[in-house]
Protein backbone atom coordinates (compact mmCIF):
# COMPACT_ATOMS: atom_id res chain seq x y z
CA UNK A 1 -90.91 34.94 -27.53
CA UNK A 2 -94.17 33.47 -28.92
CA UNK A 3 -95.26 29.88 -28.36
CA UNK A 4 -94.28 28.58 -31.82
CA UNK A 5 -90.70 29.83 -31.51
CA UNK A 6 -90.44 28.32 -28.00
CA UNK A 7 -91.63 24.96 -29.34
CA UNK A 8 -88.98 25.04 -32.07
CA UNK A 9 -86.25 25.84 -29.51
CA UNK A 10 -87.34 22.99 -27.24
CA UNK A 11 -87.36 20.56 -30.17
CA UNK A 12 -83.88 21.69 -31.22
CA UNK A 13 -82.49 21.31 -27.67
CA UNK A 14 -83.95 17.81 -27.42
CA UNK A 15 -82.40 16.86 -30.78
CA UNK A 16 -78.96 18.04 -29.58
CA UNK A 17 -79.32 16.20 -26.26
CA UNK A 18 -80.36 12.98 -27.99
CA UNK A 19 -77.44 13.24 -30.41
CA UNK A 20 -74.87 13.44 -27.57
CA UNK A 21 -76.47 11.16 -25.00
CA UNK A 22 -73.69 9.40 -23.08
CA UNK A 23 -73.37 5.68 -22.38
CA UNK A 24 -71.90 4.44 -19.10
CA UNK A 25 -69.68 1.39 -18.61
CA UNK A 26 -70.57 -0.74 -15.62
CA UNK A 27 -67.60 -1.43 -13.36
CA UNK A 28 -66.79 -4.47 -11.21
CA UNK A 29 -64.78 -3.94 -8.02
CA UNK A 30 -62.68 -6.23 -5.86
CA UNK A 31 -62.44 -6.21 -2.07
CA UNK A 32 -60.05 -3.66 -0.59
CA UNK A 33 -59.24 -2.02 -3.92
CA UNK A 34 -61.08 1.32 -4.42
CA UNK A 35 -62.46 3.91 -2.00
CA UNK A 36 -63.96 7.27 -2.99
CA UNK A 37 -63.78 10.56 -1.07
CA UNK A 38 -65.79 13.75 -1.32
CA UNK A 39 -66.79 16.85 0.62
CA UNK A 40 -70.33 17.92 1.41
CA UNK A 41 -71.92 20.47 3.74
CA UNK A 42 -74.45 20.23 6.54
CA UNK A 43 -76.18 23.21 8.12
CA UNK A 44 -76.07 22.73 11.88
CA UNK A 45 -76.47 24.77 15.06
CA UNK A 46 -73.51 23.87 17.27
CA UNK A 47 -72.90 25.53 20.63
CA UNK A 48 -75.85 27.90 20.17
CA UNK A 49 -73.99 29.87 17.48
CA UNK A 50 -76.86 29.64 14.99
CA UNK A 51 -77.03 27.57 11.82
CA UNK A 52 -73.76 27.42 9.90
CA UNK A 53 -72.46 25.28 7.05
CA UNK A 54 -70.10 22.63 8.44
CA UNK A 55 -67.85 20.67 6.09
CA UNK A 56 -68.64 16.95 5.90
CA UNK A 57 -65.89 14.57 4.76
CA UNK A 58 -67.42 11.37 3.35
CA UNK A 59 -65.74 8.05 2.43
CA UNK A 60 -67.40 5.20 0.52
CA UNK A 61 -65.56 2.01 -0.53
CA UNK A 62 -66.70 1.00 -4.03
CA UNK A 63 -67.19 -2.67 -3.15
CA UNK A 64 -68.86 -2.70 0.29
CA UNK A 65 -70.58 0.69 0.00
CA UNK A 66 -70.36 1.57 3.69
CA UNK A 67 -70.51 5.26 4.64
CA UNK A 68 -68.03 6.93 6.97
CA UNK A 69 -68.28 10.65 7.64
CA UNK A 70 -66.79 13.39 9.81
CA UNK A 71 -67.63 17.08 10.37
CA UNK A 72 -65.10 19.92 10.30
CA UNK A 73 -65.30 23.69 10.53
CA UNK A 74 -63.16 24.20 7.44
CA UNK A 75 -62.38 22.30 4.25
CA UNK A 76 -58.61 22.69 4.64
CA UNK A 77 -55.44 20.59 4.68
CA UNK A 78 -55.54 19.51 8.38
CA UNK A 79 -59.20 18.46 7.99
CA UNK A 80 -58.43 16.57 4.75
CA UNK A 81 -55.54 14.68 6.35
CA UNK A 82 -57.25 14.05 9.69
CA UNK A 83 -60.36 12.65 8.01
CA UNK A 84 -58.18 10.10 6.19
CA UNK A 85 -56.26 9.22 9.36
CA UNK A 86 -59.50 8.65 11.29
CA UNK A 87 -61.09 6.65 8.47
CA UNK A 88 -58.09 4.34 8.02
CA UNK A 89 -57.92 3.90 11.80
CA UNK A 90 -61.60 2.89 11.78
CA UNK A 91 -60.94 0.46 8.89
CA UNK A 92 -57.84 -0.98 10.63
CA UNK A 93 -56.06 -0.70 7.30
CA UNK A 94 -56.33 1.27 4.06
CA UNK A 95 -57.36 0.83 0.45
CA UNK A 96 -55.10 0.43 -2.56
CA UNK A 97 -56.63 3.30 -4.54
CA UNK A 98 -58.33 6.53 -3.45
CA UNK A 99 -60.52 8.51 -5.87
CA UNK A 100 -60.99 12.31 -5.72
CA UNK A 101 -62.57 15.01 -7.83
CA UNK A 102 -60.76 18.30 -8.51
CA UNK A 103 -61.00 19.62 -4.94
CA UNK A 104 -58.39 22.24 -4.00
CA UNK A 105 -57.04 20.25 -1.03
CA UNK A 106 -56.15 17.37 -3.37
CA UNK A 107 -55.25 19.06 -6.70
CA UNK A 108 -52.48 21.65 -6.63
CA UNK A 109 -52.67 22.60 -10.32
CA UNK A 110 -53.51 21.32 -13.77
CA UNK A 111 -50.63 20.23 -16.01
CA UNK A 112 -51.82 20.30 -19.61
CA UNK A 113 -55.37 19.27 -20.51
CA UNK A 114 -55.71 16.13 -18.42
CA UNK A 115 -52.80 15.79 -16.00
CA UNK A 116 -53.14 17.13 -12.45
CA UNK A 117 -50.46 17.74 -9.86
CA UNK A 118 -51.41 16.56 -6.34
CA UNK A 119 -51.05 18.79 -3.32
CA UNK A 120 -48.38 18.23 -0.70
CA UNK A 121 -51.10 17.06 1.69
CA UNK A 122 -52.27 14.27 -0.64
CA UNK A 123 -48.70 13.29 -1.53
CA UNK A 124 -47.81 12.96 2.17
CA UNK A 125 -50.85 10.76 2.81
CA UNK A 126 -50.13 8.61 -0.24
CA UNK A 127 -46.49 8.03 0.73
CA UNK A 128 -47.31 7.33 4.38
CA UNK A 129 -50.18 4.90 3.77
CA UNK A 130 -48.89 3.51 0.47
CA UNK A 131 -52.07 3.99 -1.59
CA UNK A 132 -52.37 5.14 -5.21
CA UNK A 133 -54.82 7.86 -6.18
CA UNK A 134 -56.63 9.10 -9.23
CA UNK A 135 -58.71 12.16 -10.09
CA UNK A 136 -62.02 12.24 -11.93
CA UNK A 137 -62.53 14.30 -15.06
CA UNK A 138 -64.07 17.76 -14.74
CA UNK A 139 -67.86 17.70 -14.20
CA UNK A 140 -67.88 13.90 -14.14
CA UNK A 141 -69.43 13.09 -10.79
CA UNK A 142 -70.44 9.66 -12.09
CA UNK A 143 -66.75 8.65 -11.99
CA UNK A 144 -67.07 8.59 -8.21
CA UNK A 145 -70.78 7.90 -8.10
CA UNK A 146 -70.70 5.88 -4.87
CA UNK A 147 -69.59 8.78 -2.71
CA UNK A 148 -71.59 11.36 -4.73
CA UNK A 149 -74.75 9.57 -3.64
CA UNK A 150 -73.39 9.03 -0.13
CA UNK A 151 -72.98 12.75 0.61
CA UNK A 152 -76.65 13.50 -0.04
CA UNK A 153 -77.78 10.22 1.54
CA UNK A 154 -75.88 10.74 4.81
CA UNK A 155 -76.99 14.36 5.14
CA UNK A 156 -80.66 13.46 4.58
CA UNK A 157 -80.73 10.34 6.75
CA UNK A 158 -78.70 11.73 9.67
CA UNK A 159 -79.62 15.39 10.07
CA UNK A 160 -83.08 15.87 8.51
CA UNK A 161 -85.17 14.73 11.48
CA UNK A 162 -86.31 17.49 13.92
CA UNK A 163 -83.75 18.02 16.68
CA UNK A 164 -81.00 16.19 14.80
CA UNK A 165 -79.34 19.43 13.71
CA UNK A 166 -78.53 20.99 17.10
CA UNK A 167 -75.55 20.00 19.26
CA UNK A 168 -73.59 21.45 22.17
CA UNK A 169 -70.16 20.74 20.65
CA UNK A 170 -68.63 19.62 17.37
CA UNK A 171 -67.40 16.45 19.12
CA UNK A 172 -71.00 15.63 20.11
CA UNK A 173 -72.15 16.19 16.51
CA UNK A 174 -69.42 13.89 15.20
CA UNK A 175 -70.32 11.19 17.73
CA UNK A 176 -73.96 11.33 16.59
CA UNK A 177 -72.91 11.27 12.92
CA UNK A 178 -70.70 8.21 13.45
CA UNK A 179 -73.39 6.28 15.33
CA UNK A 180 -76.03 7.04 12.70
CA UNK A 181 -73.69 6.03 9.86
CA UNK A 182 -73.05 2.72 11.60
CA UNK A 183 -76.82 2.13 11.83
CA UNK A 184 -77.15 2.82 8.10
CA UNK A 185 -74.22 0.51 7.34
CA UNK A 186 -75.90 -2.35 9.17
CA UNK A 187 -79.19 -2.05 7.30
CA UNK A 188 -80.05 -4.31 4.39
CA UNK A 189 -80.00 -2.48 1.05
CA UNK A 190 -82.36 -2.88 -1.93
CA UNK A 191 -80.17 -5.65 -3.37
CA UNK A 192 -80.53 -7.68 -0.17
CA UNK A 193 -76.95 -7.11 1.04
CA UNK A 194 -75.74 -5.55 4.28
CA UNK A 195 -72.79 -3.15 3.63
CA UNK A 196 -71.12 -3.78 7.00
CA UNK A 197 -71.05 -7.53 6.44
CA UNK A 198 -69.27 -7.03 3.11
CA UNK A 199 -66.91 -4.52 4.72
CA UNK A 200 -65.88 -7.03 7.40
CA UNK A 201 -64.79 -9.32 4.59
CA UNK A 202 -63.14 -6.38 2.83
CA UNK A 203 -61.01 -5.59 5.90
CA UNK A 204 -59.09 -8.83 5.29
CA UNK A 205 -57.83 -7.41 1.97
CA UNK A 206 -56.72 -3.95 3.13
CA UNK A 207 -53.14 -2.76 3.47
CA UNK A 208 -51.76 -3.27 7.03
CA UNK A 209 -52.96 -0.88 9.72
CA UNK A 210 -50.54 1.97 10.57
CA UNK A 211 -50.38 4.48 13.44
CA UNK A 212 -52.49 7.58 12.78
CA UNK A 213 -50.95 10.15 10.46
CA UNK A 214 -50.42 13.48 12.28
CA UNK A 215 -52.51 15.98 10.36
CA UNK A 216 -51.20 19.51 10.75
CA UNK A 217 -49.69 22.43 8.88
CA UNK A 218 -46.17 23.29 10.04
CA UNK A 219 -44.69 26.78 9.86
CA UNK A 220 -42.02 28.98 11.45
CA UNK A 221 -43.10 32.43 12.62
CA UNK A 222 -41.49 35.43 14.26
CA UNK A 223 -43.14 36.68 17.47
CA UNK A 224 -44.37 40.25 16.95
CA UNK A 225 -44.35 43.21 19.37
CA UNK A 226 -47.68 42.12 20.86
CA UNK A 227 -46.11 38.76 21.76
CA UNK A 228 -48.26 36.92 19.23
CA UNK A 229 -47.72 34.85 16.10
CA UNK A 230 -50.02 35.20 13.09
CA UNK A 231 -51.52 32.00 11.65
CA UNK A 232 -54.07 32.22 8.84
CA UNK A 233 -54.55 35.94 9.60
CA UNK A 234 -55.32 35.29 13.30
CA UNK A 235 -53.09 36.20 16.26
CA UNK A 236 -52.12 33.72 19.00
CA UNK A 237 -50.21 34.76 22.12
CA UNK A 238 -46.94 33.32 23.43
CA UNK A 239 -44.91 34.21 26.57
CA UNK A 240 -43.70 37.83 26.35
CA UNK A 241 -40.10 36.70 26.80
CA UNK A 242 -40.20 35.49 23.18
CA UNK A 243 -40.85 38.83 21.45
CA UNK A 244 -38.71 39.00 18.31
CA UNK A 245 -37.77 35.30 18.39
CA UNK A 246 -38.61 32.59 15.85
CA UNK A 247 -41.03 29.88 16.99
CA UNK A 248 -42.41 26.73 15.36
CA UNK A 249 -46.15 26.39 14.86
CA UNK A 250 -48.37 23.37 14.20
CA UNK A 251 -51.92 24.10 13.06
CA UNK A 252 -54.36 21.23 13.59
CA UNK A 253 -58.07 21.07 12.76
CA UNK A 254 -59.06 22.35 16.20
CA UNK A 255 -55.95 23.72 17.91
CA UNK A 256 -52.71 25.65 17.51
CA UNK A 257 -49.54 24.40 19.28
CA UNK A 258 -46.47 26.65 19.43
CA UNK A 259 -42.92 25.44 20.18
CA UNK A 260 -39.70 27.19 21.13
CA UNK A 261 -36.41 25.38 21.66
CA UNK A 262 -38.23 22.02 21.22
CA UNK A 263 -40.65 22.76 24.10
CA UNK A 264 -44.34 23.66 23.94
CA UNK A 265 -44.76 27.31 24.97
CA UNK A 266 -48.43 27.88 24.05
CA UNK A 267 -51.62 26.02 23.15
CA UNK A 268 -54.74 27.67 21.76
CA UNK A 269 -58.11 26.62 20.41
CA UNK A 270 -57.99 27.39 16.71
CA UNK A 271 -60.06 30.38 15.60
CA UNK A 272 -62.01 30.27 12.34
CA UNK A 273 -62.80 33.98 12.37
CA UNK A 274 -60.87 36.58 10.39
CA UNK A 275 -58.30 38.84 12.12
CA UNK A 276 -59.12 37.33 15.52
CA UNK A 277 -56.90 37.55 18.63
CA UNK A 278 -56.50 34.60 21.03
CA UNK A 279 -54.74 35.95 24.12
CA UNK A 280 -53.71 34.20 27.36
CA UNK A 281 -53.15 36.65 30.20
CA UNK A 282 -50.42 34.56 31.86
CA UNK A 283 -48.26 35.09 28.77
CA UNK A 284 -48.00 38.79 29.71
CA UNK A 285 -47.28 38.70 33.45
CA UNK A 286 -43.71 39.97 33.07
CA UNK A 287 -44.83 42.96 30.99
CA UNK A 288 -47.90 43.69 33.13
CA UNK A 289 -45.78 43.81 36.30
CA UNK A 290 -43.87 46.63 34.60
CA UNK A 291 -47.01 48.28 33.17
CA UNK A 292 -49.90 47.46 35.56
CA UNK A 293 -51.93 50.35 34.20
CA UNK A 294 -52.26 48.53 30.88
CA UNK A 295 -54.23 45.70 32.50
CA UNK A 296 -57.69 47.27 32.76
CA UNK A 297 -58.41 47.77 29.05
CA UNK A 298 -56.34 44.87 27.75
CA UNK A 299 -57.53 42.10 25.43
CA UNK A 300 -55.76 39.71 27.80
CA UNK A 301 -58.12 40.61 30.67
CA UNK A 302 -61.17 40.66 28.41
CA UNK A 303 -60.48 37.10 27.17
CA UNK A 304 -59.37 35.60 30.46
CA UNK A 305 -61.20 32.89 32.41
CA UNK A 306 -64.56 34.02 33.86
CA UNK A 307 -63.51 33.17 37.44
CA UNK A 308 -60.25 35.12 37.12
CA UNK A 309 -62.15 38.07 35.70
CA UNK A 310 -64.58 37.89 38.65
CA UNK A 311 -61.68 37.96 41.14
CA UNK A 312 -60.32 41.10 39.47
CA UNK A 313 -63.68 42.87 39.39
CA UNK A 314 -64.64 41.81 42.92
CA UNK A 315 -61.42 42.60 44.75
CA UNK A 316 -58.71 44.32 42.70
CA UNK A 317 -60.08 46.84 40.19
CA UNK A 318 -58.13 49.57 42.00
CA UNK A 319 -55.05 47.48 42.76
CA UNK A 320 -53.71 45.91 39.56
CA UNK A 321 -50.29 45.16 41.11
CA UNK A 322 -51.77 42.96 43.84
CA UNK A 323 -54.07 41.28 41.32
CA UNK A 324 -51.08 40.29 39.21
CA UNK A 325 -49.41 38.79 42.28
CA UNK A 326 -52.62 36.87 43.05
CA UNK A 327 -52.72 35.75 39.42
CA UNK A 328 -49.33 34.08 39.86
CA UNK A 329 -50.69 32.27 42.94
CA UNK A 330 -53.66 31.10 40.83
CA UNK A 331 -51.29 29.48 38.31
CA UNK A 332 -49.37 27.88 41.18
CA UNK A 333 -52.19 26.77 43.50
CA UNK A 334 -55.22 26.59 41.20
CA UNK A 335 -58.27 28.82 40.77
CA UNK A 336 -60.44 26.87 43.24
CA UNK A 337 -57.91 27.14 46.09
CA UNK A 338 -57.44 30.89 45.54
CA UNK A 339 -61.19 31.53 45.30
CA UNK A 340 -61.75 29.75 48.63
CA UNK A 341 -58.83 31.62 50.21
CA UNK A 342 -60.23 35.00 49.08
CA UNK A 343 -63.65 34.19 50.56
CA UNK A 344 -62.02 33.31 53.86
CA UNK A 345 -59.79 36.38 53.79
CA UNK A 346 -62.76 38.63 53.01
CA UNK A 347 -64.33 37.57 56.31
CA UNK A 348 -61.12 37.91 58.33
CA UNK A 349 -59.56 41.04 56.82
CA UNK A 350 -61.70 42.69 54.11
CA UNK A 351 -59.54 45.83 54.12
CA UNK A 352 -56.30 43.97 53.37
CA UNK A 353 -56.58 41.38 50.57
CA UNK A 354 -52.85 41.14 49.99
CA UNK A 355 -51.28 38.39 47.88
CA UNK A 356 -49.15 37.25 50.82
CA UNK A 357 -52.23 36.59 52.95
CA UNK A 358 -53.92 34.73 50.07
CA UNK A 359 -50.86 32.51 49.71
CA UNK A 360 -50.64 31.81 53.47
CA UNK A 361 -54.30 30.77 53.60
CA UNK A 362 -53.88 28.54 50.55
CA UNK A 363 -50.89 26.79 52.14
CA UNK A 364 -52.55 26.42 55.55
CA UNK A 365 -55.67 24.91 53.98
CA UNK A 366 -53.44 22.48 52.08
CA UNK A 367 -51.67 21.44 55.28
CA UNK A 368 -55.02 20.82 56.99
CA UNK A 369 -56.13 18.59 54.10
CA UNK A 370 -52.92 16.57 54.39
CA UNK A 371 -53.27 16.23 58.17
CA UNK A 372 -56.87 15.01 58.11
CA UNK A 373 -56.97 11.60 59.82
CA UNK A 374 -57.71 8.82 57.36
CA UNK A 375 -60.45 6.46 58.69
CA UNK A 376 -58.87 3.15 59.63
CA UNK A 377 -61.39 0.94 57.89
CA UNK A 378 -59.79 0.25 54.53
CA UNK A 379 -58.76 -3.23 53.32
CA UNK A 380 -55.06 -2.87 54.18
CA UNK A 381 -55.86 -1.61 57.67
CA UNK A 382 -58.19 -4.55 58.36
CA UNK A 383 -55.58 -6.97 57.09
CA UNK A 384 -52.94 -5.39 59.34
CA UNK A 385 -55.25 -5.68 62.34
CA UNK A 386 -55.89 -9.35 61.55
CA UNK A 387 -52.16 -10.04 61.27
CA UNK A 388 -51.43 -8.27 64.58
CA UNK A 389 -54.19 -10.29 66.24
CA UNK A 390 -52.56 -13.54 65.10
CA UNK A 391 -49.20 -12.35 66.42
CA UNK A 392 -50.83 -11.53 69.79
CA UNK A 393 -52.31 -15.03 70.03
CA UNK A 394 -48.97 -16.65 69.13
CA UNK A 395 -47.23 -14.50 71.72
CA UNK A 396 -49.77 -15.54 74.36
CA UNK A 397 -49.34 -19.24 73.56
CA UNK A 398 -45.57 -18.90 73.64
CA UNK A 399 -45.81 -17.12 76.99
CA UNK A 400 -47.94 -19.92 78.52
CA UNK A 401 -45.53 -22.58 77.18
CA UNK A 402 -42.57 -20.82 78.75
CA UNK A 403 -44.39 -20.55 82.10
CA UNK A 404 -45.14 -24.29 82.10
CA UNK A 405 -41.50 -25.15 81.33
CA UNK A 406 -40.37 -22.87 84.15
CA UNK A 407 -42.58 -24.73 86.61
C-alpha cells in the first residue's frame, strides 16, 4: 500500500470516527445509593509458586469513591459471593444498587437483545441483602467508570513497587492489599476531597448490617470406589466406610467440607489444579489394615504429613501393620507425643518398636506431666497462706483468753 492510499484511508477513518463521536451524560449520585463491582487480575508470586494471575475483586461506591479489593485464586461463584459478604461486612451495611458488566458469575444468559438473566449466585445475594442490581451494556465500560478506573489504579498503586508482589500466603497478600487500599482511601484526591471521609457519611445511609452471607456451592455426591468424591474434576477423600453412599458437599473459596448424616466427615484445602487428588491417610485405616501391602505405593502415604512420613521411613518400612497401629495412636495422642515416645523407645528397645510399647510410653509420659508438682507461689496459694496465718493468730489469741479465764 503506497503512501497516498494510506493517507486516504486514514482520512476516511477519521471522518467516520468524527461522524459517530459519542457524548456522555454526567451523573449525580446520592449517598448509599450505587456501588460498582468488577474483576481484575494481578500477577503475584505467592508461596514461592512463581508468578500467577490472581483474580482481584474490586468495589467502588459511586459517591464516595473508596476502593475495596480482595484476591482470589479463581473468578468463580464462591469468590463472587464471598467478596460481597466481606465488603458489606466492612461497610457495616450495603448499598441500594449494585452495578455489574456482563461477567459470567453475574449473568446467566441473554434474553433478547437487551435483557439479561442473573445467575443464581447474584439472585441469592440480592434477596439476602435486599439490593437491586443492573448490568451495563456490552462494551460500555464507561457505564461503570468508577470501578473500571479503580481496577487499574489499585493494581498499579499496590503491587507495582519492588517487593510488593511476593507473599508467603494468599491471606498475607490480602492483608497487604486491604491496608494499602485504606491508605489510598484516606488520601486527598485532585478535587480536594478525602474518599474515606465521604464514606463515613455514606455509611449512615446504607441498608442495615446483616450477618455474613455464607458463600459456597452445595452439591450431593456419591462416594466412589476410591473413597473419594469428585468436585470440579478433583478428588477429595472421605472415610472408607462411606464407599457407595451419598454425601453432601460445600465448596468454599479455599476449602471443601463434606457431610454425612448431618456431621462433618472430611475437610480439605481446595485444589485449583485439574484432575488432582487430595487424600487423607486416616480415611483409609480400615482398608489398609486389611491390605497393608497397598500402603507403600499409595497416594495416601505420599500426601501424608511430613512427620508421619518420616516415622514410616525411619521405623516401619518393613512393618506396615505396626505402622498402621502407630498411626492410630498418633490420631489419639498427637504426633508430638508419639515422636517423643519413639525416640525414647529407640534407646530402650531398638529391636522392638511395637505399637503397644509406644502407647505405654505415651501414657506414662502423660502421667508424669500430670504428677509434676505445681510451684506454690501463685496468687491463690499466697492468699490461702495469708488466710491460714490469720486463722492461726486468732486461734492463738483465743487460746490465751481461755487460759486466763481458767486461772
